[in-house]
PDB file of N, CA and C in Angstrom:
ATOM      1  N   VAL A   1       3.930   6.667 -13.991  1.00  0.00           N
ATOM      2  CA  VAL A   1       4.604   5.744 -14.128  1.00  0.00           C
ATOM      3  C   VAL A   1       5.002   4.857 -15.110  1.00  0.00           C
ATOM      4  N   SER A   2       6.279   5.001 -15.424  1.00  0.00           N
ATOM      5  CA  SER A   2       6.511   4.089 -16.741  1.00  0.00           C
ATOM      6  C   SER A   2       6.080   2.854 -16.710  1.00  0.00           C
ATOM      7  N   PRO A   3       5.274   2.239 -17.748  1.00  0.00           N
ATOM      8  CA  PRO A   3       4.985   0.951 -17.767  1.00  0.00           C
ATOM      9  C   PRO A   3       5.947  -0.091 -17.626  1.00  0.00           C
ATOM     10  N   GLN A   4       7.079   0.399 -17.871  1.00  0.00           N
ATOM     11  CA  GLN A   4       8.285  -0.162 -17.935  1.00  0.00           C
ATOM     12  C   GLN A   4       8.715  -0.837 -16.322  1.00  0.00           C
ATOM     13  N   THR A   5       8.363   0.340 -15.733  1.00  0.00           N
ATOM     14  CA  THR A   5       8.617   0.387 -14.134  1.00  0.00           C
ATOM     15  C   THR A   5       7.948   0.520 -13.014  1.00  0.00           C
ATOM     16  N   MET A   6       6.553  -0.009 -13.904  1.00  0.00           N
ATOM     17  CA  MET A   6       5.649   0.221 -12.922  1.00  0.00           C
ATOM     18  C   MET A   6       5.393  -0.703 -11.595  1.00  0.00           C
ATOM     19  N   GLY A   7       6.340  -1.860 -11.581  1.00  0.00           N
ATOM     20  CA  GLY A   7       6.412  -2.066 -10.095  1.00  0.00           C
ATOM     21  C   GLY A   7       7.159  -1.488  -9.616  1.00  0.00           C
ATOM     22  N   GLU A   8       7.681  -0.354  -9.526  1.00  0.00           N
ATOM     23  CA  GLU A   8       8.250   0.853  -8.795  1.00  0.00           C
ATOM     24  C   GLU A   8       7.289   1.593  -8.381  1.00  0.00           C
ATOM     25  N   GLY A   9       5.980   1.952  -8.891  1.00  0.00           N
ATOM     26  CA  GLY A   9       5.172   2.450  -8.597  1.00  0.00           C
ATOM     27  C   GLY A   9       5.270   3.199  -7.136  1.00  0.00           C
ATOM     28  N   PRO A  10       4.418   2.346  -6.068  1.00  0.00           N
ATOM     29  CA  PRO A  10       4.520   2.285  -4.857  1.00  0.00           C
ATOM     30  C   PRO A  10       5.568   3.042  -4.158  1.00  0.00           C
ATOM     31  N   GLY A  11       6.845   2.948  -4.504  1.00  0.00           N
ATOM     32  CA  GLY A  11       8.116   3.689  -3.923  1.00  0.00           C
ATOM     33  C   GLY A  11       8.081   5.248  -4.296  1.00  0.00           C
ATOM     34  N   LEU A  12       7.421   5.821  -5.598  1.00  0.00           N
ATOM     35  CA  LEU A  12       7.189   7.072  -5.793  1.00  0.00           C
ATOM     36  C   LEU A  12       6.052   7.698  -5.495  1.00  0.00           C
ATOM     37  N   VAL A  13       4.735   7.299  -5.220  1.00  0.00           N
ATOM     38  CA  VAL A  13       3.367   7.559  -5.116  1.00  0.00           C
ATOM     39  C   VAL A  13       3.164   7.525  -3.478  1.00  0.00           C
ATOM     40  N   ILE A  14       3.954   6.679  -2.879  1.00  0.00           N
ATOM     41  CA  ILE A  14       3.667   6.841  -1.187  1.00  0.00           C
ATOM     42  C   ILE A  14       4.200   7.977  -0.941  1.00  0.00           C
ATOM     43  N   PRO A  15       5.211   8.660  -0.969  1.00  0.00           N
ATOM     44  CA  PRO A  15       5.627   9.942  -0.460  1.00  0.00           C
ATOM     45  C   PRO A  15       4.729  10.851  -0.877  1.00  0.00           C
ATOM     46  N   MET A  16       4.410  10.871  -2.033  1.00  0.00           N
ATOM     47  CA  MET A  16       3.661  12.310  -2.327  1.00  0.00           C
ATOM     48  C   MET A  16       2.306  11.836  -1.825  1.00  0.00           C
ATOM     49  N   ALA A  17       1.498  11.212  -1.517  1.00  0.00           N
ATOM     50  CA  ALA A  17       0.446  10.960  -0.440  1.00  0.00           C
ATOM     51  C   ALA A  17       0.346  11.497   0.698  1.00  0.00           C
ATOM     52  N   LEU A  18       1.601  11.261   1.274  1.00  0.00           N
ATOM     53  CA  LEU A  18       2.182  11.427   2.306  1.00  0.00           C
ATOM     54  C   LEU A  18       2.249  12.780   2.393  1.00  0.00           C
ATOM     55  N   GLU A  19       3.086  13.019   1.807  1.00  0.00           N
ATOM     56  CA  GLU A  19       3.354  14.413   1.598  1.00  0.00           C
ATOM     57  C   GLU A  19       1.951  15.672   1.557  1.00  0.00           C
ATOM     58  N   ARG A  20       1.135  15.279   0.916  1.00  0.00           N
ATOM     59  CA  ARG A  20      -0.256  15.619   0.869  1.00  0.00           C
ATOM     60  C   ARG A  20      -1.020  15.808   2.124  1.00  0.00           C
ATOM     61  N   ALA A  21      -0.904  14.881   2.569  1.00  0.00           N
ATOM     62  CA  ALA A  21      -1.351  14.953   4.031  1.00  0.00           C
ATOM     63  C   ALA A  21      -0.858  14.861   5.203  1.00  0.00           C
ATOM     64  N   GLY A  22       0.024  15.649   4.948  1.00  0.00           N
ATOM     65  CA  GLY A  22       1.392  16.544   5.821  1.00  0.00           C
ATOM     66  C   GLY A  22       1.853  14.934   6.521  1.00  0.00           C
ATOM     67  N   MET A  23       1.902  14.202   6.307  1.00  0.00           N
ATOM     68  CA  MET A  23       2.533  13.180   7.497  1.00  0.00           C
ATOM     69  C   MET A  23       3.517  12.180   6.933  1.00  0.00           C
ATOM     70  N   THR A  24       4.098  11.419   7.506  1.00  0.00           N
ATOM     71  CA  THR A  24       5.360  10.640   7.656  1.00  0.00           C
ATOM     72  C   THR A  24       5.205   9.155   7.415  1.00  0.00           C
ATOM     73  N   LEU A  25       5.620   8.546   6.796  1.00  0.00           N
ATOM     74  CA  LEU A  25       5.815   6.715   6.857  1.00  0.00           C
ATOM     75  C   LEU A  25       5.746   6.134   8.050  1.00  0.00           C
ATOM     76  N   ASP A  26       6.603   7.262   9.126  1.00  0.00           N
ATOM     77  CA  ASP A  26       6.447   6.310  10.729  1.00  0.00           C
ATOM     78  C   ASP A  26       5.052   6.735  11.265  1.00  0.00           C
ATOM     79  N   GLN A  27       4.470   7.515  10.626  1.00  0.00           N
ATOM     80  CA  GLN A  27       3.024   7.791  11.190  1.00  0.00           C
ATOM     81  C   GLN A  27       1.990   7.188  11.030  1.00  0.00           C
ATOM     82  N   MET A  28       2.276   6.067  10.001  1.00  0.00           N
ATOM     83  CA  MET A  28       1.547   4.594   9.426  1.00  0.00           C
ATOM     84  C   MET A  28       1.015   3.927  10.009  1.00  0.00           C
ATOM     85  N   ASP A  29       0.027   3.760  11.176  1.00  0.00           N
ATOM     86  CA  ASP A  29       0.088   2.666  11.772  1.00  0.00           C
ATOM     87  C   ASP A  29       0.283   1.347  10.930  1.00  0.00           C
ATOM     88  N   LEU A  30      -0.644   1.156   9.595  1.00  0.00           N
ATOM     89  CA  LEU A  30      -0.604  -0.123   9.018  1.00  0.00           C
ATOM     90  C   LEU A  30      -0.415   0.237   7.235  1.00  0.00           C
ATOM     91  N   ILE A  31       0.230  -0.579   6.529  1.00  0.00           N
ATOM     92  CA  ILE A  31       0.769  -0.333   5.050  1.00  0.00           C
ATOM     93  C   ILE A  31       0.034  -1.306   4.300  1.00  0.00           C
ATOM     94  N   GLU A  32      -0.866  -1.291   3.463  1.00  0.00           N
ATOM     95  CA  GLU A  32      -1.202  -2.018   2.637  1.00  0.00           C
ATOM     96  C   GLU A  32      -0.573  -1.779   1.171  1.00  0.00           C
ATOM     97  N   VAL A  33       0.293  -2.543   0.675  1.00  0.00           N
ATOM     98  CA  VAL A  33       0.425  -2.611  -1.126  1.00  0.00           C
ATOM     99  C   VAL A  33       0.490  -3.871  -1.448  1.00  0.00           C
ATOM    100  N   ASN A  34      -0.223  -4.023  -2.964  1.00  0.00           N
ATOM    101  CA  ASN A  34      -0.381  -5.240  -3.666  1.00  0.00           C
ATOM    102  C   ASN A  34       0.581  -5.394  -3.977  1.00  0.00           C
ATOM    103  N   GLU A  35       0.388  -6.793  -3.759  1.00  0.00           N
ATOM    104  CA  GLU A  35       1.744  -7.622  -4.015  1.00  0.00           C
ATOM    105  C   GLU A  35       1.497  -8.449  -5.488  1.00  0.00           C
ATOM    106  N   ALA A  36       1.898  -7.397  -6.598  1.00  0.00           N
ATOM    107  CA  ALA A  36       1.625  -8.071  -7.916  1.00  0.00           C
ATOM    108  C   ALA A  36       2.883  -9.234  -8.112  1.00  0.00           C
ATOM    109  N   PHE A  37       3.714  -9.380  -7.344  1.00  0.00           N
ATOM    110  CA  PHE A  37       5.105 -10.133  -7.534  1.00  0.00           C
ATOM    111  C   PHE A  37       5.683  -9.625  -6.183  1.00  0.00           C
ATOM    112  N   ALA A  38       6.211 -10.775  -5.602  1.00  0.00           N
ATOM    113  CA  ALA A  38       7.066 -10.555  -4.040  1.00  0.00           C
ATOM    114  C   ALA A  38       8.410  -9.598  -4.556  1.00  0.00           C
ATOM    115  N   ILE A  39       9.001  -9.772  -5.583  1.00  0.00           N
ATOM    116  CA  ILE A  39      10.026  -8.711  -5.195  1.00  0.00           C
ATOM    117  C   ILE A  39       9.579  -7.176  -6.080  1.00  0.00           C
ATOM    118  N   GLN A  40       8.515  -7.090  -6.084  1.00  0.00           N
ATOM    119  CA  GLN A  40       8.122  -5.951  -6.408  1.00  0.00           C
ATOM    120  C   GLN A  40       7.815  -5.265  -4.712  1.00  0.00           C
ATOM    121  N   VAL A  41       7.499  -6.051  -3.966  1.00  0.00           N
ATOM    122  CA  VAL A  41       7.506  -5.601  -2.577  1.00  0.00           C
ATOM    123  C   VAL A  41       8.869  -4.906  -2.060  1.00  0.00           C
ATOM    124  N   LEU A  42       9.444  -6.184  -2.056  1.00  0.00           N
ATOM    125  CA  LEU A  42      11.098  -6.072  -1.907  1.00  0.00           C
ATOM    126  C   LEU A  42      11.435  -4.588  -2.408  1.00  0.00           C
ATOM    127  N   ALA A  43      11.871  -4.505  -3.837  1.00  0.00           N
ATOM    128  CA  ALA A  43      11.860  -3.471  -4.178  1.00  0.00           C
ATOM    129  C   ALA A  43      11.713  -2.257  -3.461  1.00  0.00           C
ATOM    130  N   ASN A  44      10.255  -1.833  -3.459  1.00  0.00           N
ATOM    131  CA  ASN A  44       9.810  -0.964  -2.902  1.00  0.00           C
ATOM    132  C   ASN A  44       9.963  -0.434  -1.250  1.00  0.00           C
ATOM    133  N   GLU A  45       9.993  -1.677  -0.685  1.00  0.00           N
ATOM    134  CA  GLU A  45      10.987  -1.609   0.886  1.00  0.00           C
ATOM    135  C   GLU A  45      11.846  -1.155   0.676  1.00  0.00           C
ATOM    136  N   HIS A  46      13.147  -1.999  -0.073  1.00  0.00           N
ATOM    137  CA  HIS A  46      14.167  -0.808  -0.155  1.00  0.00           C
ATOM    138  C   HIS A  46      14.413   0.348  -0.311  1.00  0.00           C
ATOM    139  N   VAL A  47      13.241   1.078  -1.298  1.00  0.00           N
ATOM    140  CA  VAL A  47      13.239   2.584  -1.615  1.00  0.00           C
ATOM    141  C   VAL A  47      12.620   2.812  -0.195  1.00  0.00           C
ATOM    142  N   LEU A  48      11.696   2.664   0.349  1.00  0.00           N
ATOM    143  CA  LEU A  48      10.955   3.057   1.405  1.00  0.00           C
ATOM    144  C   LEU A  48      11.365   3.110   2.946  1.00  0.00           C
ATOM    145  N   GLY A  49      11.755   1.707   2.950  1.00  0.00           N
ATOM    146  CA  GLY A  49      12.373   1.327   4.361  1.00  0.00           C
ATOM    147  C   GLY A  49      11.245   1.099   5.424  1.00  0.00           C
ATOM    148  N   TRP A  50       9.821   0.499   4.561  1.00  0.00           N
ATOM    149  CA  TRP A  50       9.046   0.402   6.111  1.00  0.00           C
ATOM    150  C   TRP A  50       8.912  -0.682   7.028  1.00  0.00           C
ATOM    151  N   ASP A  51       8.364  -0.785   7.672  1.00  0.00           N
ATOM    152  CA  ASP A  51       8.887  -1.694   8.737  1.00  0.00           C
ATOM    153  C   ASP A  51       7.678  -3.137   8.301  1.00  0.00           C
ATOM    154  N   ARG A  52       8.418  -4.160   8.229  1.00  0.00           N
ATOM    155  CA  ARG A  52       7.840  -5.190   7.778  1.00  0.00           C
ATOM    156  C   ARG A  52       6.732  -5.435   8.582  1.00  0.00           C
ATOM    157  N   ASP A  53       6.157  -5.569  10.097  1.00  0.00           N
ATOM    158  CA  ASP A  53       5.390  -5.743  10.895  1.00  0.00           C
ATOM    159  C   ASP A  53       4.094  -4.975  10.962  1.00  0.00           C
ATOM    160  N   ARG A  54       3.937  -3.517  10.014  1.00  0.00           N
ATOM    161  CA  ARG A  54       3.033  -3.106   9.642  1.00  0.00           C
ATOM    162  C   ARG A  54       2.682  -3.236   8.517  1.00  0.00           C
ATOM    163  N   LEU A  55       2.955  -3.943   7.285  1.00  0.00           N
ATOM    164  CA  LEU A  55       3.116  -3.976   6.155  1.00  0.00           C
ATOM    165  C   LEU A  55       2.169  -5.319   5.699  1.00  0.00           C
ATOM    166  N   ASN A  56       0.836  -5.069   5.196  1.00  0.00           N
ATOM    167  CA  ASN A  56       0.241  -6.239   4.756  1.00  0.00           C
ATOM    168  C   ASN A  56      -0.024  -7.263   5.567  1.00  0.00           C
ATOM    169  N   VAL A  57      -0.831  -6.976   7.104  1.00  0.00           N
ATOM    170  CA  VAL A  57      -0.793  -7.567   8.000  1.00  0.00           C
ATOM    171  C   VAL A  57      -1.995  -9.067   8.321  1.00  0.00           C
ATOM    172  N   HIS A  58      -2.486  -8.695   7.060  1.00  0.00           N
ATOM    173  CA  HIS A  58      -3.423  -9.488   6.816  1.00  0.00           C
ATOM    174  C   HIS A  58      -3.579 -10.278   5.822  1.00  0.00           C
ATOM    175  N   GLY A  59      -1.703 -10.198   5.123  1.00  0.00           N
ATOM    176  CA  GLY A  59      -1.725 -11.214   3.794  1.00  0.00           C
ATOM    177  C   GLY A  59      -1.805 -10.426   3.141  1.00  0.00           C
ATOM    178  N   GLY A  60      -0.847 -10.114   1.990  1.00  0.00           N
ATOM    179  CA  GLY A  60      -0.984  -9.312   0.503  1.00  0.00           C
ATOM    180  C   GLY A  60      -1.763 -10.102  -0.155  1.00  0.00           C
ATOM    181  N   ALA A  61      -1.279  -9.639  -1.624  1.00  0.00           N
ATOM    182  CA  ALA A  61      -2.292 -10.470  -2.839  1.00  0.00           C
ATOM    183  C   ALA A  61      -1.821 -11.793  -3.108  1.00  0.00           C
ATOM    184  N   ILE A  62      -0.499 -12.140  -2.606  1.00  0.00           N
ATOM    185  CA  ILE A  62       0.341 -13.588  -3.198  1.00  0.00           C
ATOM    186  C   ILE A  62      -1.040 -14.685  -2.077  1.00  0.00           C
ATOM    187  N   ALA A  63      -1.092 -13.979  -1.157  1.00  0.00           N
ATOM    188  CA  ALA A  63      -1.936 -14.895   0.222  1.00  0.00           C
ATOM    189  C   ALA A  63      -3.558 -14.987  -0.540  1.00  0.00           C
ATOM    190  N   LEU A  64      -4.019 -13.139  -0.252  1.00  0.00           N
ATOM    191  CA  LEU A  64      -5.695 -13.137  -0.450  1.00  0.00           C
ATOM    192  C   LEU A  64      -6.210 -13.442  -1.934  1.00  0.00           C
ATOM    193  N   GLY A  65      -4.969 -12.948  -2.865  1.00  0.00           N
ATOM    194  CA  GLY A  65      -5.688 -13.005  -4.777  1.00  0.00           C
ATOM    195  C   GLY A  65      -5.449 -11.506  -5.036  1.00  0.00           C
ATOM    196  N   HIS A  66      -5.499 -11.464  -6.191  1.00  0.00           N
ATOM    197  CA  HIS A  66      -5.405 -10.425  -7.010  1.00  0.00           C
ATOM    198  C   HIS A  66      -6.003 -10.360  -8.028  1.00  0.00           C
ATOM    199  N   PRO A  67      -7.583  -9.674  -7.993  1.00  0.00           N
ATOM    200  CA  PRO A  67      -8.605 -10.092  -8.445  1.00  0.00           C
ATOM    201  C   PRO A  67      -8.683  -8.792  -9.659  1.00  0.00           C
ATOM    202  N   THR A  68      -8.718  -9.328 -10.760  1.00  0.00           N
ATOM    203  CA  THR A  68      -8.389  -8.478 -12.383  1.00  0.00           C
ATOM    204  C   THR A  68      -9.239  -7.355 -12.226  1.00  0.00           C
ATOM    205  N   GLY A  69      -8.917  -5.818 -11.746  1.00  0.00           N
ATOM    206  CA  GLY A  69      -9.907  -5.152 -11.625  1.00  0.00           C
ATOM    207  C   GLY A  69     -10.840  -4.521 -10.712  1.00  0.00           C
ATOM    208  N   ILE A  70     -10.077  -5.572  -9.591  1.00  0.00           N
ATOM    209  CA  ILE A  70     -10.911  -4.566  -8.264  1.00  0.00           C
ATOM    210  C   ILE A  70      -9.745  -4.968  -7.388  1.00  0.00           C
ATOM    211  N   SER A  71      -8.686  -4.961  -7.705  1.00  0.00           N
ATOM    212  CA  SER A  71      -7.540  -5.330  -6.891  1.00  0.00           C
ATOM    213  C   SER A  71      -7.209  -3.631  -5.606  1.00  0.00           C
ATOM    214  N   GLY A  72      -7.358  -2.216  -6.119  1.00  0.00           N
ATOM    215  CA  GLY A  72      -7.381  -1.302  -5.745  1.00  0.00           C
ATOM    216  C   GLY A  72      -8.255  -1.194  -4.641  1.00  0.00           C
ATOM    217  N   ALA A  73      -9.545  -1.761  -4.973  1.00  0.00           N
ATOM    218  CA  ALA A  73     -10.658  -1.625  -3.892  1.00  0.00           C
ATOM    219  C   ALA A  73     -10.421  -2.519  -2.953  1.00  0.00           C
ATOM    220  N   ARG A  74      -9.900  -3.817  -3.247  1.00  0.00           N
ATOM    221  CA  ARG A  74      -9.606  -5.188  -2.403  1.00  0.00           C
ATOM    222  C   ARG A  74      -8.806  -4.362  -1.410  1.00  0.00           C
ATOM    223  N   ILE A  75      -7.427  -3.447  -1.776  1.00  0.00           N
ATOM    224  CA  ILE A  75      -6.453  -3.068  -0.474  1.00  0.00           C
ATOM    225  C   ILE A  75      -7.173  -2.199   0.412  1.00  0.00           C
ATOM    226  N   VAL A  76      -8.113  -1.237  -0.144  1.00  0.00           N
ATOM    227  CA  VAL A  76      -8.416  -0.110   0.678  1.00  0.00           C
ATOM    228  C   VAL A  76      -9.257  -0.881   1.459  1.00  0.00           C
ATOM    229  N   VAL A  77     -10.072  -2.025   0.967  1.00  0.00           N
ATOM    230  CA  VAL A  77     -11.222  -2.500   2.171  1.00  0.00           C
ATOM    231  C   VAL A  77     -10.570  -3.157   3.090  1.00  0.00           C
ATOM    232  N   THR A  78      -9.148  -3.857   2.679  1.00  0.00           N
ATOM    233  CA  THR A  78      -8.454  -4.744   3.813  1.00  0.00           C
ATOM    234  C   THR A  78      -7.708  -3.824   4.451  1.00  0.00           C
ATOM    235  N   LEU A  79      -7.091  -2.506   4.351  1.00  0.00           N
ATOM    236  CA  LEU A  79      -6.858  -1.967   5.344  1.00  0.00           C
ATOM    237  C   LEU A  79      -7.791  -1.425   6.376  1.00  0.00           C
ATOM    238  N   SER A  80      -9.005  -0.988   5.852  1.00  0.00           N
ATOM    239  CA  SER A  80      -9.647  -0.123   6.204  1.00  0.00           C
ATOM    240  C   SER A  80     -10.275  -1.474   7.435  1.00  0.00           C
ATOM    241  N   HIS A  81     -10.404  -2.611   7.150  1.00  0.00           N
ATOM    242  CA  HIS A  81     -10.975  -3.694   8.336  1.00  0.00           C
ATOM    243  C   HIS A  81      -9.394  -3.792   9.493  1.00  0.00           C
ATOM    244  N   ALA A  82      -8.635  -3.858   8.725  1.00  0.00           N
ATOM    245  CA  ALA A  82      -6.849  -4.387   9.426  1.00  0.00           C
ATOM    246  C   ALA A  82      -7.027  -2.897  10.692  1.00  0.00           C
ATOM    247  N   LEU A  83      -7.416  -1.504   9.870  1.00  0.00           N
ATOM    248  CA  LEU A  83      -7.396  -0.273  10.956  1.00  0.00           C
ATOM    249  C   LEU A  83      -7.997  -0.847  12.196  1.00  0.00           C
ATOM    250  N   LYS A  84      -9.163  -1.096  11.567  1.00  0.00           N
ATOM    251  CA  LYS A  84     -11.046  -1.554  12.807  1.00  0.00           C
ATOM    252  C   LYS A  84     -10.084  -2.565  13.905  1.00  0.00           C
ATOM    253  N   THR A  85     -10.100  -3.459  12.818  1.00  0.00           N
ATOM    254  CA  THR A  85      -9.412  -5.039  13.928  1.00  0.00           C
ATOM    255  C   THR A  85      -8.370  -4.835  14.689  1.00  0.00           C
ATOM    256  N   HIS A  86      -7.050  -4.080  14.572  1.00  0.00           N
ATOM    257  CA  HIS A  86      -6.135  -4.016  15.550  1.00  0.00           C
ATOM    258  C   HIS A  86      -6.194  -1.901  15.905  1.00  0.00           C
ATOM    259  N   ASP A  87      -7.502  -1.910  16.008  1.00  0.00           N
ATOM    260  CA  ASP A  87      -7.399  -0.538  16.688  1.00  0.00           C
ATOM    261  C   ASP A  87      -6.517   0.417  16.223  1.00  0.00           C
ATOM    262  N   LYS A  88      -5.791   0.824  15.294  1.00  0.00           N
ATOM    263  CA  LYS A  88      -5.086   1.874  14.789  1.00  0.00           C
ATOM    264  C   LYS A  88      -6.094   2.262  14.076  1.00  0.00           C
ATOM    265  N   GLU A  89      -5.374   4.122  13.647  1.00  0.00           N
ATOM    266  CA  GLU A  89      -5.897   5.368  13.552  1.00  0.00           C
ATOM    267  C   GLU A  89      -5.563   5.781  11.917  1.00  0.00           C
ATOM    268  N   PHE A  90      -4.008   5.253  11.409  1.00  0.00           N
ATOM    269  CA  PHE A  90      -3.487   5.682  10.445  1.00  0.00           C
ATOM    270  C   PHE A  90      -3.479   4.392   9.501  1.00  0.00           C
ATOM    271  N   GLY A  91      -3.452   4.557   8.360  1.00  0.00           N
ATOM    272  CA  GLY A  91      -2.894   3.638   7.368  1.00  0.00           C
ATOM    273  C   GLY A  91      -2.748   4.141   5.863  1.00  0.00           C
ATOM    274  N   ILE A  92      -1.628   3.780   5.043  1.00  0.00           N
ATOM    275  CA  ILE A  92      -1.698   3.956   3.781  1.00  0.00           C
ATOM    276  C   ILE A  92      -1.588   2.587   2.825  1.00  0.00           C
ATOM    277  N   ALA A  93      -2.280   3.137   1.293  1.00  0.00           N
ATOM    278  CA  ALA A  93      -2.618   1.627   0.777  1.00  0.00           C
ATOM    279  C   ALA A  93      -2.270   2.130  -0.805  1.00  0.00           C
ATOM    280  N   SER A  94      -1.640   1.185  -1.483  1.00  0.00           N
ATOM    281  CA  SER A  94      -0.842   1.606  -2.702  1.00  0.00           C
ATOM    282  C   SER A  94      -1.147   0.455  -3.576  1.00  0.00           C
ATOM    283  N   ILE A  95      -1.091   0.732  -4.708  1.00  0.00           N
ATOM    284  CA  ILE A  95      -0.985   0.017  -5.896  1.00  0.00           C
ATOM    285  C   ILE A  95      -0.424   0.411  -7.195  1.00  0.00           C
ATOM    286  N   CYS A  96       0.069  -0.683  -7.968  1.00  0.00           N
ATOM    287  CA  CYS A  96       0.732  -0.560  -9.191  1.00  0.00           C
ATOM    288  C   CYS A  96      -0.415  -1.360 -10.161  1.00  0.00           C
ATOM    289  N   GLY A  97      -0.187  -0.624 -11.478  1.00  0.00           N
ATOM    290  CA  GLY A  97      -1.003  -1.312 -12.291  1.00  0.00           C
ATOM    291  C   GLY A  97      -0.120  -1.465 -13.870  1.00  0.00           C
ATOM    292  N   GLY A  98      -0.549  -2.332 -14.723  1.00  0.00           N
ATOM    293  CA  GLY A  98      -0.005  -2.608 -15.749  1.00  0.00           C
ATOM    294  C   GLY A  98      -0.407  -1.474 -16.645  1.00  0.00           C
ATOM    295  N   GLY A  99       0.626  -0.736 -17.367  1.00  0.00           N
ATOM    296  CA  GLY A  99       0.182   0.472 -17.986  1.00  0.00           C
ATOM    297  C   GLY A  99       0.816   1.723 -17.214  1.00  0.00           C
ATOM    298  N   GLY A 100       1.397   1.682 -16.148  1.00  0.00           N
ATOM    299  CA  GLY A 100       1.825   2.436 -15.427  1.00  0.00           C
ATOM    300  C   GLY A 100       0.846   2.986 -14.657  1.00  0.00           C
ATOM    301  N   VAL A 101      -0.165   2.730 -14.413  1.00  0.00           N
ATOM    302  CA  VAL A 101      -1.091   3.501 -13.312  1.00  0.00           C
ATOM    303  C   VAL A 101      -0.609   2.865 -11.871  1.00  0.00           C
ATOM    304  N   THR A 102      -0.901   4.209 -11.119  1.00  0.00           N
ATOM    305  CA  THR A 102       0.019   3.606  -9.949  1.00  0.00           C
ATOM    306  C   THR A 102      -0.678   4.548  -8.810  1.00  0.00           C
ATOM    307  N   MET A 103      -1.122   4.311  -7.503  1.00  0.00           N
ATOM    308  CA  MET A 103      -1.785   4.811  -6.752  1.00  0.00           C
ATOM    309  C   MET A 103      -1.530   4.721  -5.024  1.00  0.00           C
ATOM    310  N   ALA A 104      -1.789   5.859  -4.251  1.00  0.00           N
ATOM    311  CA  ALA A 104      -1.599   5.592  -3.150  1.00  0.00           C
ATOM    312  C   ALA A 104      -2.691   6.601  -2.423  1.00  0.00           C
ATOM    313  N   THR A 105      -3.283   6.214  -0.936  1.00  0.00           N
ATOM    314  CA  THR A 105      -4.162   7.252  -0.210  1.00  0.00           C
ATOM    315  C   THR A 105      -3.750   6.803   1.090  1.00  0.00           C
ATOM    316  N   VAL A 106      -4.255   7.954   2.171  1.00  0.00           N
ATOM    317  CA  VAL A 106      -4.085   7.753   2.959  1.00  0.00           C
ATOM    318  C   VAL A 106      -5.280   7.330   3.690  1.00  0.00           C
ATOM    319  N   ILE A 107      -5.685   6.638   4.493  1.00  0.00           N
ATOM    320  CA  ILE A 107      -6.383   6.546   5.309  1.00  0.00           C
ATOM    321  C   ILE A 107      -6.961   6.866   6.792  1.00  0.00           C
ATOM    322  N   LYS A 108      -7.882   7.404   7.173  1.00  0.00           N
ATOM    323  CA  LYS A 108      -7.915   7.884   8.615  1.00  0.00           C
ATOM    324  C   LYS A 108      -9.086   6.808   9.393  1.00  0.00           C
ATOM    325  N   ARG A 109      -9.136   6.178  10.392  1.00  0.00           N
ATOM    326  CA  ARG A 109     -10.282   5.160  10.901  1.00  0.00           C
ATOM    327  C   ARG A 109     -11.010   6.233  12.254  1.00  0.00           C
ATOM    328  N   GLU A 110     -11.970   6.691  11.633  1.00  0.00           N
ATOM    329  CA  GLU A 110     -13.036   7.168  12.744  1.00  0.00           C
ATOM    330  C   GLU A 110     -13.990   6.138  13.463  1.00  0.00           C
ATOM    331  N   ASN A 111     -13.848   6.499  14.750  1.00  0.00           N
ATOM    332  CA  ASN A 111     -14.498   5.871  15.809  1.00  0.00           C
ATOM    333  C   ASN A 111     -16.240   5.979  15.417  1.00  0.00           C
TER     334      ASN A 111
END
């Protein structure tokens, strides 16, 4: 993702991760997207059309914090915990970073 448009990264990589998993966004019980900025989440929502009731159910980075160098791990752990807490099976986590680094991963909760 271009560093100039890094905030739009989740809107580009979430569909790629879902395609690799053979799934759709509608099949995701929960969605965890890093909130570097509030507008970044809204811009990606405009592209992907996710259900806000499934997004960052324990709060995003604006509420929980955006620790330098570990935000990616934080969102994966937060999503894993939320899947267990809410008794859900599938979730997707995504983060964009300075310099254009962006990732998304689909997680399945095992009992």
